C-alpha atoms as a PDB file:
ATOM      1  CA  UNK A   1      68.921  44.292 -31.878  1.00  0.00           C
ATOM      2  CA  UNK A   2      66.147  42.274 -30.269  1.00  0.00           C
ATOM      3  CA  UNK A   3      64.183  45.443 -29.620  1.00  0.00           C
ATOM      4  CA  UNK A   4      64.135  46.211 -33.344  1.00  0.00           C
ATOM      5  CA  UNK A   5      62.823  42.738 -34.167  1.00  0.00           C
ATOM      6  CA  UNK A   6      60.058  42.938 -31.566  1.00  0.00           C
ATOM      7  CA  UNK A   7      59.111  46.436 -32.679  1.00  0.00           C
ATOM      8  CA  UNK A   8      58.928  45.377 -36.333  1.00  0.00           C
ATOM      9  CA  UNK A   9      56.720  42.381 -35.472  1.00  0.00           C
ATOM     10  CA  UNK A  10      54.222  44.639 -33.698  1.00  0.00           C
ATOM     11  CA  UNK A  11      53.640  46.724 -36.815  1.00  0.00           C
ATOM     12  CA  UNK A  12      51.637  45.713 -39.860  1.00  0.00           C
ATOM     13  CA  UNK A  13      52.284  42.160 -41.035  1.00  0.00           C
ATOM     14  CA  UNK A  14      53.916  41.006 -37.785  1.00  0.00           C
ATOM     15  CA  UNK A  15      50.562  40.953 -36.021  1.00  0.00           C
ATOM     16  CA  UNK A  16      49.446  38.057 -38.220  1.00  0.00           C
ATOM     17  CA  UNK A  17      52.000  35.657 -36.702  1.00  0.00           C
ATOM     18  CA  UNK A  18      52.290  33.747 -33.440  1.00  0.00           C
ATOM     19  CA  UNK A  19      55.378  32.275 -31.807  1.00  0.00           C
ATOM     20  CA  UNK A  20      54.852  28.663 -30.736  1.00  0.00           C
ATOM     21  CA  UNK A  21      57.172  27.063 -28.205  1.00  0.00           C
ATOM     22  CA  UNK A  22      56.891  23.288 -27.740  1.00  0.00           C
ATOM     23  CA  UNK A  23      58.639  21.101 -25.149  1.00  0.00           C
ATOM     24  CA  UNK A  24      59.909  17.951 -26.882  1.00  0.00           C
ATOM     25  CA  UNK A  25      61.281  14.988 -24.921  1.00  0.00           C
ATOM     26  CA  UNK A  26      64.409  13.355 -26.300  1.00  0.00           C
ATOM     27  CA  UNK A  27      64.116   9.586 -26.731  1.00  0.00           C
ATOM     28  CA  UNK A  28      67.847   9.133 -26.232  1.00  0.00           C
ATOM     29  CA  UNK A  29      68.458  11.100 -23.012  1.00  0.00           C
ATOM     30  CA  UNK A  30      64.967  11.782 -21.659  1.00  0.00           C
ATOM     31  CA  UNK A  31      65.747  15.486 -21.402  1.00  0.00           C
ATOM     32  CA  UNK A  32      63.368  18.131 -22.706  1.00  0.00           C
ATOM     33  CA  UNK A  33      64.293  20.584 -25.438  1.00  0.00           C
ATOM     34  CA  UNK A  34      62.266  23.489 -26.712  1.00  0.00           C
ATOM     35  CA  UNK A  35      61.327  24.024 -30.345  1.00  0.00           C
ATOM     36  CA  UNK A  36      60.308  27.524 -31.411  1.00  0.00           C
ATOM     37  CA  UNK A  37      58.300  28.331 -34.546  1.00  0.00           C
ATOM     38  CA  UNK A  38      56.779  31.439 -36.072  1.00  0.00           C
ATOM     39  CA  UNK A  39      53.421  30.496 -37.590  1.00  0.00           C
ATOM     40  CA  UNK A  40      50.592  32.418 -39.226  1.00  0.00           C
ATOM     41  CA  UNK A  41      47.606  32.886 -36.907  1.00  0.00           C
ATOM     42  CA  UNK A  42      45.296  30.806 -39.089  1.00  0.00           C
ATOM     43  CA  UNK A  43      47.696  27.811 -38.912  1.00  0.00           C
ATOM     44  CA  UNK A  44      48.262  27.709 -35.130  1.00  0.00           C
ATOM     45  CA  UNK A  45      45.762  24.916 -34.400  1.00  0.00           C
ATOM     46  CA  UNK A  46      47.073  22.791 -37.272  1.00  0.00           C
ATOM     47  CA  UNK A  47      50.668  23.187 -36.093  1.00  0.00           C
ATOM     48  CA  UNK A  48      49.847  22.280 -32.496  1.00  0.00           C
ATOM     49  CA  UNK A  49      47.900  19.206 -33.617  1.00  0.00           C
ATOM     50  CA  UNK A  50      51.043  17.661 -35.172  1.00  0.00           C
END
């Protein structure tokens, strides 16, 4: 199933998106968790600035 998703993202409209993975530190435990987002290419800098 994952192969179909990756293949569909490489065609047409999927090339206009980027996957952003951020490491976020928990205030409660101090452990890091990862947040994943699919963002349009023109909004990558704005998303990372937050």
